[in-house]
Amino acid sequence: MKILFTAFKGVHNTSFQLVDQTAANYILLTNSFQGLEKDISFISSDYSIVYMFGVDKKLIDKVRIETCAKYNDETVCTDFNVHYLETMLRSADISYTISNKPTRYLCNAAYYHMLKKNPNTVFIHIPSLKGMRIELMDKLIAFFNDICSN
């Protein structure tokens, strides 16, 4: 299975820190609307699964799985098996929520463009450095390293 992870650029960005500490094949997205659209246009569409990560400063010690993205009045939803991901997160003792309401900023735009390219994509918001305990980051690194090795 060919898996890709994406995160946003910036050494202080927890999404970058997460993917950089996994054994995953990853691409860093530019922190601008035009830049990320260009970045995504260069990504091959032959990945089995794409895991996208972004930061939500309001999250504290939990992650949020996004199921849909909205751009220019078009809503697209993932084909990714979110229920399976829920089961796996629960068994790894990682707190999470699920949102069916698209966000409104860079993460949403990135998710939209990637879903149009590969519907088997899932976007996961993680806490910022302030909201992320070391234990959660360690669990996430182990969790996604497990995914990469299976």
N, C-alpha and C. Protein backbone atom coordinates (compact mmCIF):
# COMPACT_ATOMS: atom_id res chain seq x y z
N MET A 1 0.85 -1.18 0.00
CA MET A 1 0.00 0.00 0.00
C MET A 1 0.90 1.24 0.00
N LYS A 2 0.61 2.15 -0.89
CA LYS A 2 1.40 3.37 -1.02
C LYS A 2 0.71 4.50 -0.24
N ILE A 3 1.38 4.98 0.83
CA ILE A 3 0.79 5.97 1.73
C ILE A 3 1.60 7.26 1.68
N LEU A 4 0.90 8.38 1.70
CA LEU A 4 1.54 9.69 1.74
C LEU A 4 1.01 10.46 2.93
N PHE A 5 1.90 11.17 3.59
CA PHE A 5 1.51 12.11 4.64
C PHE A 5 1.80 13.51 4.14
N THR A 6 0.95 14.47 4.51
CA THR A 6 1.24 15.88 4.24
C THR A 6 1.14 16.65 5.55
N ALA A 7 1.91 17.71 5.62
CA ALA A 7 1.89 18.62 6.76
C ALA A 7 2.25 19.99 6.22
N PHE A 8 2.16 20.97 7.07
CA PHE A 8 2.51 22.33 6.66
C PHE A 8 3.94 22.67 7.09
N LYS A 9 4.58 23.48 6.27
CA LYS A 9 5.96 23.88 6.53
C LYS A 9 6.08 24.68 7.82
N GLY A 10 7.25 24.60 8.43
CA GLY A 10 7.53 25.38 9.63
C GLY A 10 8.01 24.49 10.76
N VAL A 11 9.23 24.72 11.23
CA VAL A 11 9.79 23.85 12.27
C VAL A 11 9.01 23.91 13.58
N HIS A 12 8.26 24.98 13.80
CA HIS A 12 7.46 25.10 15.02
C HIS A 12 6.01 24.65 14.79
N ASN A 13 5.73 24.10 13.62
CA ASN A 13 4.41 23.61 13.29
C ASN A 13 4.32 22.15 13.73
N THR A 14 3.37 21.83 14.60
CA THR A 14 3.30 20.46 15.11
C THR A 14 2.99 19.45 14.02
N SER A 15 2.31 19.86 12.94
CA SER A 15 2.06 18.91 11.86
C SER A 15 3.39 18.50 11.21
N PHE A 16 4.28 19.47 11.00
CA PHE A 16 5.62 19.16 10.48
C PHE A 16 6.37 18.26 11.46
N GLN A 17 6.33 18.61 12.74
CA GLN A 17 7.07 17.83 13.74
C GLN A 17 6.57 16.39 13.78
N LEU A 18 5.28 16.20 13.62
CA LEU A 18 4.72 14.84 13.64
C LEU A 18 5.24 14.02 12.45
N VAL A 19 5.05 14.52 11.24
CA VAL A 19 5.45 13.71 10.08
C VAL A 19 6.97 13.54 10.01
N ASP A 20 7.69 14.52 10.50
CA ASP A 20 9.15 14.44 10.46
C ASP A 20 9.69 13.36 11.41
N GLN A 21 8.89 12.96 12.38
CA GLN A 21 9.32 11.94 13.34
C GLN A 21 8.72 10.57 13.05
N THR A 22 8.10 10.43 11.89
CA THR A 22 7.57 9.13 11.49
C THR A 22 8.41 8.59 10.34
N ALA A 23 8.17 7.33 10.03
CA ALA A 23 8.87 6.68 8.92
C ALA A 23 8.12 6.92 7.61
N ALA A 24 7.23 7.89 7.62
CA ALA A 24 6.34 8.11 6.48
C ALA A 24 7.02 8.85 5.34
N ASN A 25 6.49 8.58 4.16
CA ASN A 25 6.81 9.38 2.99
C ASN A 25 5.94 10.63 3.13
N TYR A 26 6.55 11.82 3.18
CA TYR A 26 5.73 13.01 3.39
C TYR A 26 6.14 14.17 2.49
N ILE A 27 5.18 15.05 2.33
CA ILE A 27 5.37 16.29 1.56
C ILE A 27 4.91 17.43 2.45
N LEU A 28 5.69 18.51 2.46
CA LEU A 28 5.31 19.70 3.22
C LEU A 28 4.63 20.70 2.30
N LEU A 29 3.52 21.23 2.76
CA LEU A 29 2.73 22.18 1.97
C LEU A 29 3.08 23.61 2.37
N THR A 30 3.04 24.48 1.39
CA THR A 30 3.28 25.89 1.58
C THR A 30 2.13 26.51 2.37
N ASN A 31 2.45 27.49 3.20
CA ASN A 31 1.44 28.15 4.03
C ASN A 31 0.78 29.32 3.31
N SER A 32 0.34 29.06 2.08
CA SER A 32 -0.43 30.06 1.34
C SER A 32 -1.40 29.31 0.41
N PHE A 33 -2.50 29.95 0.06
CA PHE A 33 -3.50 29.30 -0.77
C PHE A 33 -2.93 28.91 -2.13
N GLN A 34 -2.27 29.84 -2.80
CA GLN A 34 -1.71 29.54 -4.12
C GLN A 34 -0.59 28.51 -4.03
N GLY A 35 0.24 28.66 -3.01
CA GLY A 35 1.37 27.75 -2.85
C GLY A 35 0.92 26.32 -2.60
N LEU A 36 -0.05 26.13 -1.71
CA LEU A 36 -0.47 24.77 -1.41
C LEU A 36 -1.19 24.13 -2.59
N GLU A 37 -1.94 24.92 -3.35
CA GLU A 37 -2.61 24.37 -4.54
C GLU A 37 -1.56 23.90 -5.55
N LYS A 38 -0.51 24.66 -5.71
CA LYS A 38 0.58 24.27 -6.60
C LYS A 38 1.28 23.02 -6.07
N ASP A 39 1.57 23.00 -4.77
CA ASP A 39 2.21 21.83 -4.15
C ASP A 39 1.39 20.56 -4.42
N ILE A 40 0.09 20.65 -4.22
CA ILE A 40 -0.79 19.49 -4.38
C ILE A 40 -0.88 19.07 -5.84
N SER A 41 -0.81 20.03 -6.75
CA SER A 41 -0.87 19.68 -8.17
C SER A 41 0.30 18.80 -8.59
N PHE A 42 1.41 18.86 -7.88
CA PHE A 42 2.58 18.05 -8.21
C PHE A 42 2.56 16.67 -7.54
N ILE A 43 1.62 16.43 -6.65
CA ILE A 43 1.55 15.15 -5.95
C ILE A 43 0.91 14.11 -6.88
N SER A 44 1.52 12.96 -6.95
CA SER A 44 1.01 11.85 -7.75
C SER A 44 -0.35 11.42 -7.21
N SER A 45 -1.22 10.98 -8.10
CA SER A 45 -2.55 10.53 -7.66
C SER A 45 -2.59 9.03 -7.42
N ASP A 46 -1.44 8.37 -7.39
CA ASP A 46 -1.45 6.91 -7.26
C ASP A 46 -1.25 6.42 -5.82
N TYR A 47 -1.42 7.30 -4.83
CA TYR A 47 -1.32 6.86 -3.44
C TYR A 47 -2.61 6.15 -3.04
N SER A 48 -2.46 5.07 -2.26
CA SER A 48 -3.63 4.33 -1.76
C SER A 48 -4.37 5.17 -0.74
N ILE A 49 -3.61 5.84 0.14
CA ILE A 49 -4.17 6.66 1.21
C ILE A 49 -3.30 7.90 1.37
N VAL A 50 -3.96 9.03 1.63
CA VAL A 50 -3.24 10.25 1.97
C VAL A 50 -3.74 10.71 3.34
N TYR A 51 -2.80 10.85 4.28
CA TYR A 51 -3.09 11.41 5.60
C TYR A 51 -2.57 12.84 5.60
N MET A 52 -3.46 13.78 5.82
CA MET A 52 -3.07 15.19 5.87
C MET A 52 -3.16 15.68 7.31
N PHE A 53 -2.20 16.51 7.71
CA PHE A 53 -2.19 17.05 9.06
C PHE A 53 -2.10 18.56 9.03
N GLY A 54 -2.82 19.18 9.93
CA GLY A 54 -2.77 20.62 10.13
C GLY A 54 -3.00 20.92 11.60
N VAL A 55 -2.76 22.15 11.96
CA VAL A 55 -2.84 22.55 13.37
C VAL A 55 -4.11 23.36 13.63
N ASP A 56 -4.75 23.05 14.74
CA ASP A 56 -5.85 23.86 15.25
C ASP A 56 -5.46 24.29 16.66
N LYS A 57 -5.24 25.58 16.84
CA LYS A 57 -4.77 26.11 18.12
C LYS A 57 -5.79 25.92 19.24
N LYS A 58 -7.05 25.66 18.89
CA LYS A 58 -8.08 25.47 19.92
C LYS A 58 -8.11 24.05 20.48
N LEU A 59 -7.47 23.12 19.79
CA LEU A 59 -7.44 21.74 20.28
C LEU A 59 -6.47 21.60 21.44
N ILE A 60 -6.87 20.82 22.43
CA ILE A 60 -5.99 20.54 23.56
C ILE A 60 -6.02 19.03 23.81
N ASP A 61 -4.86 18.41 23.62
CA ASP A 61 -4.66 16.99 23.90
C ASP A 61 -5.64 16.05 23.22
N LYS A 62 -6.10 16.42 22.05
CA LYS A 62 -6.90 15.51 21.23
C LYS A 62 -6.76 15.92 19.78
N VAL A 63 -7.17 15.05 18.89
CA VAL A 63 -7.12 15.33 17.46
C VAL A 63 -8.55 15.42 16.92
N ARG A 64 -8.69 16.03 15.75
CA ARG A 64 -10.01 16.12 15.13
C ARG A 64 -9.91 15.62 13.69
N ILE A 65 -10.74 14.66 13.38
CA ILE A 65 -10.79 14.09 12.04
C ILE A 65 -11.82 14.88 11.24
N GLU A 66 -11.39 15.39 10.11
CA GLU A 66 -12.29 16.14 9.22
C GLU A 66 -12.83 15.19 8.16
N THR A 67 -14.12 15.25 7.90
CA THR A 67 -14.72 14.36 6.90
C THR A 67 -15.02 15.06 5.57
N CYS A 68 -15.10 16.40 5.59
CA CYS A 68 -15.47 17.14 4.39
C CYS A 68 -14.65 18.42 4.25
N ALA A 69 -14.59 18.89 3.03
CA ALA A 69 -13.97 20.19 2.75
C ALA A 69 -14.90 20.96 1.81
N LYS A 70 -14.88 22.27 1.92
CA LYS A 70 -15.75 23.11 1.08
C LYS A 70 -14.91 24.21 0.47
N TYR A 71 -15.08 24.40 -0.83
CA TYR A 71 -14.32 25.41 -1.55
C TYR A 71 -15.16 25.90 -2.72
N ASN A 72 -15.29 27.21 -2.86
CA ASN A 72 -16.12 27.78 -3.93
C ASN A 72 -17.52 27.15 -3.98
N ASP A 73 -18.15 27.03 -2.83
CA ASP A 73 -19.51 26.49 -2.70
C ASP A 73 -19.66 25.02 -3.08
N GLU A 74 -18.55 24.31 -3.24
CA GLU A 74 -18.62 22.87 -3.50
C GLU A 74 -18.08 22.13 -2.28
N THR A 75 -18.88 21.19 -1.77
CA THR A 75 -18.45 20.37 -0.64
C THR A 75 -18.08 19.00 -1.16
N VAL A 76 -16.92 18.53 -0.74
CA VAL A 76 -16.49 17.17 -1.07
C VAL A 76 -16.18 16.44 0.24
N CYS A 77 -16.52 15.17 0.27
CA CYS A 77 -16.29 14.38 1.49
C CYS A 77 -15.36 13.22 1.17
N THR A 78 -14.69 12.77 2.19
CA THR A 78 -13.71 11.71 2.02
C THR A 78 -14.35 10.34 1.79
N ASP A 79 -13.65 9.49 1.06
CA ASP A 79 -14.03 8.09 0.91
C ASP A 79 -13.27 7.23 1.93
N PHE A 80 -12.38 7.86 2.68
CA PHE A 80 -11.56 7.16 3.66
C PHE A 80 -12.46 6.54 4.73
N ASN A 81 -12.08 5.37 5.22
CA ASN A 81 -12.87 4.67 6.24
C ASN A 81 -12.61 5.30 7.61
N VAL A 82 -13.35 6.33 7.92
CA VAL A 82 -13.19 7.07 9.17
C VAL A 82 -13.52 6.18 10.39
N HIS A 83 -14.48 5.29 10.24
CA HIS A 83 -14.85 4.42 11.37
C HIS A 83 -13.69 3.49 11.75
N TYR A 84 -12.96 3.02 10.76
CA TYR A 84 -11.79 2.20 11.05
C TYR A 84 -10.73 3.02 11.80
N LEU A 85 -10.52 4.24 11.34
CA LEU A 85 -9.56 5.13 12.01
C LEU A 85 -9.99 5.38 13.46
N GLU A 86 -11.27 5.60 13.68
CA GLU A 86 -11.80 5.78 15.05
C GLU A 86 -11.45 4.59 15.93
N THR A 87 -11.69 3.40 15.42
CA THR A 87 -11.40 2.17 16.18
C THR A 87 -9.92 2.10 16.53
N MET A 88 -9.07 2.42 15.57
CA MET A 88 -7.63 2.36 15.80
C MET A 88 -7.18 3.42 16.81
N LEU A 89 -7.72 4.63 16.71
CA LEU A 89 -7.36 5.69 17.66
C LEU A 89 -7.81 5.32 19.08
N ARG A 90 -9.00 4.77 19.18
CA ARG A 90 -9.49 4.34 20.50
C ARG A 90 -8.57 3.28 21.11
N SER A 91 -8.17 2.32 20.29
CA SER A 91 -7.30 1.25 20.82
C SER A 91 -5.91 1.78 21.18
N ALA A 92 -5.51 2.89 20.58
CA ALA A 92 -4.21 3.51 20.91
C ALA A 92 -4.35 4.53 22.03
N ASP A 93 -5.56 4.67 22.58
CA ASP A 93 -5.85 5.61 23.66
C ASP A 93 -5.52 7.06 23.26
N ILE A 94 -5.93 7.40 22.03
CA ILE A 94 -5.76 8.77 21.52
C ILE A 94 -7.14 9.41 21.47
N SER A 95 -7.31 10.51 22.18
CA SER A 95 -8.59 11.22 22.19
C SER A 95 -8.81 11.91 20.85
N TYR A 96 -10.05 11.87 20.38
CA TYR A 96 -10.36 12.46 19.08
C TYR A 96 -11.81 12.92 19.04
N THR A 97 -12.10 13.76 18.07
CA THR A 97 -13.46 14.11 17.72
C THR A 97 -13.54 14.01 16.19
N ILE A 98 -14.76 14.00 15.71
CA ILE A 98 -14.99 13.96 14.26
C ILE A 98 -15.83 15.17 13.89
N SER A 99 -15.43 15.83 12.81
CA SER A 99 -16.18 16.99 12.36
C SER A 99 -16.66 16.78 10.93
N ASN A 100 -17.95 17.06 10.73
CA ASN A 100 -18.53 17.03 9.39
C ASN A 100 -18.69 18.45 8.83
N LYS A 101 -18.18 19.43 9.58
CA LYS A 101 -18.32 20.82 9.19
C LYS A 101 -16.95 21.34 8.71
N PRO A 102 -16.83 21.66 7.43
CA PRO A 102 -15.54 22.12 6.91
C PRO A 102 -15.04 23.37 7.62
N THR A 103 -13.73 23.43 7.80
CA THR A 103 -13.11 24.62 8.36
C THR A 103 -13.04 25.68 7.26
N ARG A 104 -12.43 26.81 7.55
CA ARG A 104 -12.49 27.90 6.56
C ARG A 104 -11.13 28.45 6.14
N TYR A 105 -10.05 27.76 6.41
CA TYR A 105 -8.77 28.38 6.11
C TYR A 105 -7.89 27.46 5.27
N LEU A 106 -6.59 27.56 5.42
CA LEU A 106 -5.65 26.82 4.58
C LEU A 106 -5.87 25.31 4.64
N CYS A 107 -6.13 24.79 5.82
CA CYS A 107 -6.33 23.35 5.96
C CYS A 107 -7.48 22.88 5.09
N ASN A 108 -8.58 23.61 5.11
CA ASN A 108 -9.75 23.27 4.31
C ASN A 108 -9.41 23.30 2.82
N ALA A 109 -8.71 24.33 2.38
CA ALA A 109 -8.34 24.43 0.96
C ALA A 109 -7.44 23.27 0.55
N ALA A 110 -6.47 22.96 1.39
CA ALA A 110 -5.57 21.84 1.09
C ALA A 110 -6.36 20.53 1.00
N TYR A 111 -7.24 20.32 1.96
CA TYR A 111 -8.05 19.10 1.99
C TYR A 111 -8.92 19.00 0.74
N TYR A 112 -9.56 20.10 0.37
CA TYR A 112 -10.41 20.12 -0.81
C TYR A 112 -9.62 19.70 -2.05
N HIS A 113 -8.49 20.35 -2.28
CA HIS A 113 -7.71 20.07 -3.48
C HIS A 113 -7.19 18.62 -3.49
N MET A 114 -6.82 18.12 -2.33
CA MET A 114 -6.34 16.73 -2.28
C MET A 114 -7.48 15.74 -2.47
N LEU A 115 -8.66 16.03 -1.88
CA LEU A 115 -9.81 15.15 -2.08
C LEU A 115 -10.22 15.07 -3.55
N LYS A 116 -10.09 16.18 -4.27
CA LYS A 116 -10.42 16.18 -5.70
C LYS A 116 -9.44 15.29 -6.46
N LYS A 117 -8.23 15.20 -5.99
CA LYS A 117 -7.20 14.38 -6.62
C LYS A 117 -7.28 12.93 -6.16
N ASN A 118 -7.52 12.74 -4.86
CA ASN A 118 -7.55 11.40 -4.28
C ASN A 118 -8.62 11.37 -3.18
N PRO A 119 -9.77 10.79 -3.46
CA PRO A 119 -10.86 10.78 -2.47
C PRO A 119 -10.57 9.92 -1.23
N ASN A 120 -9.53 9.10 -1.28
CA ASN A 120 -9.18 8.29 -0.11
C ASN A 120 -8.14 9.03 0.73
N THR A 121 -8.50 10.25 1.06
CA THR A 121 -7.66 11.15 1.85
C THR A 121 -8.40 11.49 3.14
N VAL A 122 -7.66 11.64 4.22
CA VAL A 122 -8.27 12.07 5.47
C VAL A 122 -7.42 13.20 6.05
N PHE A 123 -8.09 14.21 6.57
CA PHE A 123 -7.40 15.35 7.19
C PHE A 123 -7.58 15.25 8.69
N ILE A 124 -6.47 15.37 9.40
CA ILE A 124 -6.49 15.28 10.86
C ILE A 124 -5.87 16.54 11.44
N HIS A 125 -6.67 17.28 12.18
CA HIS A 125 -6.16 18.45 12.90
C HIS A 125 -5.54 17.98 14.21
N ILE A 126 -4.39 18.54 14.54
CA ILE A 126 -3.72 18.23 15.79
C ILE A 126 -3.47 19.53 16.54
N PRO A 127 -3.23 19.45 17.85
CA PRO A 127 -3.01 20.68 18.63
C PRO A 127 -1.70 21.38 18.25
N SER A 128 -1.64 22.65 18.59
CA SER A 128 -0.39 23.41 18.45
C SER A 128 0.57 22.98 19.56
N LEU A 129 1.75 23.54 19.55
CA LEU A 129 2.73 23.20 20.59
C LEU A 129 2.17 23.43 21.99
N LYS A 130 1.40 24.51 22.17
CA LYS A 130 0.83 24.82 23.49
C LYS A 130 -0.20 23.79 23.94
N GLY A 131 -0.96 23.25 23.01
CA GLY A 131 -2.04 22.32 23.35
C GLY A 131 -1.66 20.86 23.27
N MET A 132 -0.41 20.60 22.90
CA MET A 132 0.03 19.21 22.68
C MET A 132 0.95 18.77 23.80
N ARG A 133 0.47 17.84 24.62
CA ARG A 133 1.36 17.25 25.63
C ARG A 133 2.31 16.28 24.93
N ILE A 134 3.48 16.08 25.50
CA ILE A 134 4.48 15.19 24.93
C ILE A 134 3.91 13.78 24.79
N GLU A 135 3.08 13.36 25.75
CA GLU A 135 2.50 12.02 25.70
C GLU A 135 1.63 11.84 24.46
N LEU A 136 0.86 12.85 24.10
CA LEU A 136 0.02 12.75 22.91
C LEU A 136 0.90 12.68 21.66
N MET A 137 1.91 13.54 21.57
CA MET A 137 2.79 13.50 20.40
C MET A 137 3.46 12.14 20.29
N ASP A 138 3.91 11.58 21.39
CA ASP A 138 4.54 10.25 21.36
C ASP A 138 3.56 9.18 20.88
N LYS A 139 2.30 9.26 21.35
CA LYS A 139 1.28 8.30 20.91
C LYS A 139 1.01 8.45 19.41
N LEU A 140 0.93 9.69 18.93
CA LEU A 140 0.67 9.92 17.51
C LEU A 140 1.82 9.41 16.65
N ILE A 141 3.05 9.66 17.08
CA ILE A 141 4.22 9.18 16.32
C ILE A 141 4.18 7.66 16.25
N ALA A 142 3.96 7.00 17.38
CA ALA A 142 3.90 5.54 17.40
C ALA A 142 2.74 5.03 16.53
N PHE A 143 1.59 5.68 16.64
CA PHE A 143 0.40 5.28 15.88
C PHE A 143 0.67 5.33 14.37
N PHE A 144 1.21 6.45 13.90
CA PHE A 144 1.43 6.58 12.47
C PHE A 144 2.65 5.81 11.98
N ASN A 145 3.63 5.56 12.84
CA ASN A 145 4.71 4.65 12.46
C ASN A 145 4.18 3.24 12.28
N ASP A 146 3.22 2.85 13.12
CA ASP A 146 2.56 1.54 12.96
C ASP A 146 1.87 1.44 11.61
N ILE A 147 1.16 2.49 11.25
CA ILE A 147 0.45 2.51 9.96
C ILE A 147 1.44 2.36 8.82
N CYS A 148 2.58 3.03 8.92
CA CYS A 148 3.58 2.98 7.85
C CYS A 148 4.21 1.59 7.73
N SER A 149 4.30 0.87 8.84
CA SER A 149 4.97 -0.43 8.81
C SER A 149 4.04 -1.58 8.43
N ASN A 150 2.74 -1.33 8.40
CA ASN A 150 1.80 -2.41 8.03
C ASN A 150 1.52 -2.43 6.56
